[in-house]
């Protein structure tokens, strides 16, 4: 499954309408974010039970403020509309799998 962009305008609907959701909060200029991106893409194609989205924090400051995103990359993990986990920094594929279980 392709990882799509999420915005301040549609984030609430997406959180509400996805049972398990991972949002990769990033900025295009961030080196660790660029390193995390292919891992997220790989997980999105392998883990059909989880929906993955990307949020550009530079373009979506309202959401970044709401979830207290001070450093990137940050992963927000939602289950049934509730924030279940928040992870800051570059993570390996195995670390991300552990976070979403």
Protein backbone atom coordinates (compact mmCIF):
# COMPACT_ATOMS: atom_id res chain seq x y z
CA UNK A 1 0.00 0.00 0.00
CA UNK A 2 1.27 3.46 -0.87
CA UNK A 3 2.08 5.86 1.97
CA UNK A 4 -0.01 8.99 1.44
CA UNK A 5 0.37 12.52 2.78
CA UNK A 6 -1.89 13.67 5.59
CA UNK A 7 -2.65 17.32 6.46
CA UNK A 8 -4.11 19.43 9.24
CA UNK A 9 -7.34 19.47 7.21
CA UNK A 10 -7.88 15.70 7.01
CA UNK A 11 -5.97 14.20 9.95
CA UNK A 12 -9.00 13.86 12.27
CA UNK A 13 -11.01 11.95 9.67
CA UNK A 14 -8.09 9.64 8.95
CA UNK A 15 -7.47 8.95 12.65
CA UNK A 16 -11.16 8.19 13.16
CA UNK A 17 -11.51 5.95 10.10
CA UNK A 18 -8.46 3.70 10.52
CA UNK A 19 -8.26 0.94 13.11
CA UNK A 20 -4.43 0.89 13.26
CA UNK A 21 -2.55 3.93 11.99
CA UNK A 22 1.06 5.10 11.92
CA UNK A 23 1.82 8.72 11.03
CA UNK A 24 5.41 9.50 10.08
CA UNK A 25 5.99 13.16 11.04
CA UNK A 26 8.84 14.54 8.95
CA UNK A 27 10.31 17.50 7.08
CA UNK A 28 11.88 17.30 3.60
CA UNK A 29 15.18 18.83 4.83
CA UNK A 30 15.60 16.27 7.67
CA UNK A 31 18.30 13.65 7.02
CA UNK A 32 17.06 11.03 9.52
CA UNK A 33 13.53 11.51 8.11
CA UNK A 34 14.81 10.67 4.62
CA UNK A 35 16.49 7.56 6.05
CA UNK A 36 13.24 6.49 7.73
CA UNK A 37 11.08 6.99 4.63
CA UNK A 38 12.06 3.76 2.77
CA UNK A 39 11.51 1.75 5.97
CA UNK A 40 7.99 3.19 6.31
CA UNK A 41 7.32 2.46 2.61
CA UNK A 42 8.48 -1.14 3.10
CA UNK A 43 6.31 -1.64 6.19
CA UNK A 44 3.30 -0.14 4.40
CA UNK A 45 3.61 -2.77 1.67
CA UNK A 46 4.11 -5.64 4.15
CA UNK A 47 1.72 -4.80 7.00
CA UNK A 48 -1.78 -4.73 5.56
CA UNK A 49 -3.41 -4.45 8.99
CA UNK A 50 -1.77 -1.03 9.56
CA UNK A 51 -2.33 2.16 7.56
CA UNK A 52 0.67 4.45 7.12
CA UNK A 53 0.65 8.19 6.41
CA UNK A 54 3.25 10.97 6.30
CA UNK A 55 2.81 14.42 7.81
CA UNK A 56 5.08 17.29 6.75
CA UNK A 57 5.43 19.23 10.03
CA UNK A 58 6.61 22.38 8.23
CA UNK A 59 3.32 22.55 6.29
CA UNK A 60 1.06 21.32 9.12
CA UNK A 61 2.06 23.23 12.24
CA UNK A 62 -1.36 22.87 13.89
CA UNK A 63 -1.03 19.09 14.10
CA UNK A 64 2.64 19.30 15.13
CA UNK A 65 1.66 21.59 18.02
CA UNK A 66 -1.32 19.45 19.01
CA UNK A 67 0.84 16.33 19.41
CA UNK A 68 3.87 18.15 20.85
CA UNK A 69 6.21 17.27 18.02
CA UNK A 70 9.48 19.02 18.89
CA UNK A 71 11.91 16.71 17.09
CA UNK A 72 11.66 14.73 13.88
CA UNK A 73 11.25 12.08 12.74
CA UNK A 74 8.39 11.32 15.12
CA UNK A 75 6.04 8.38 14.70
CA UNK A 76 2.49 8.69 16.05
CA UNK A 77 0.78 5.32 16.50
CA UNK A 78 -2.99 5.29 16.79
CA UNK A 79 -5.34 2.43 17.55
CA UNK A 80 -9.11 2.86 17.30
CA UNK A 81 -8.74 6.64 17.19
CA UNK A 82 -6.52 6.90 20.29
CA UNK A 83 -2.85 7.83 20.38
CA UNK A 84 -1.22 4.67 21.76
CA UNK A 85 2.46 5.42 21.22
CA UNK A 86 4.79 8.23 20.20
CA UNK A 87 8.35 7.54 19.12
CA UNK A 88 10.99 10.19 18.43
CA UNK A 89 14.09 9.61 16.31
CA UNK A 90 15.22 7.23 13.60
CA UNK A 91 14.07 3.67 14.27
CA UNK A 92 14.90 0.37 12.61
CA UNK A 93 12.25 -1.72 10.91
CA UNK A 94 12.20 -4.17 13.84
CA UNK A 95 11.82 -1.34 16.37
CA UNK A 96 8.84 0.04 14.44
CA UNK A 97 7.22 -3.40 14.23
CA UNK A 98 7.57 -3.70 18.02
CA UNK A 99 5.94 -0.27 18.47
CA UNK A 100 2.88 -1.18 16.39
CA UNK A 101 2.23 -4.57 18.03
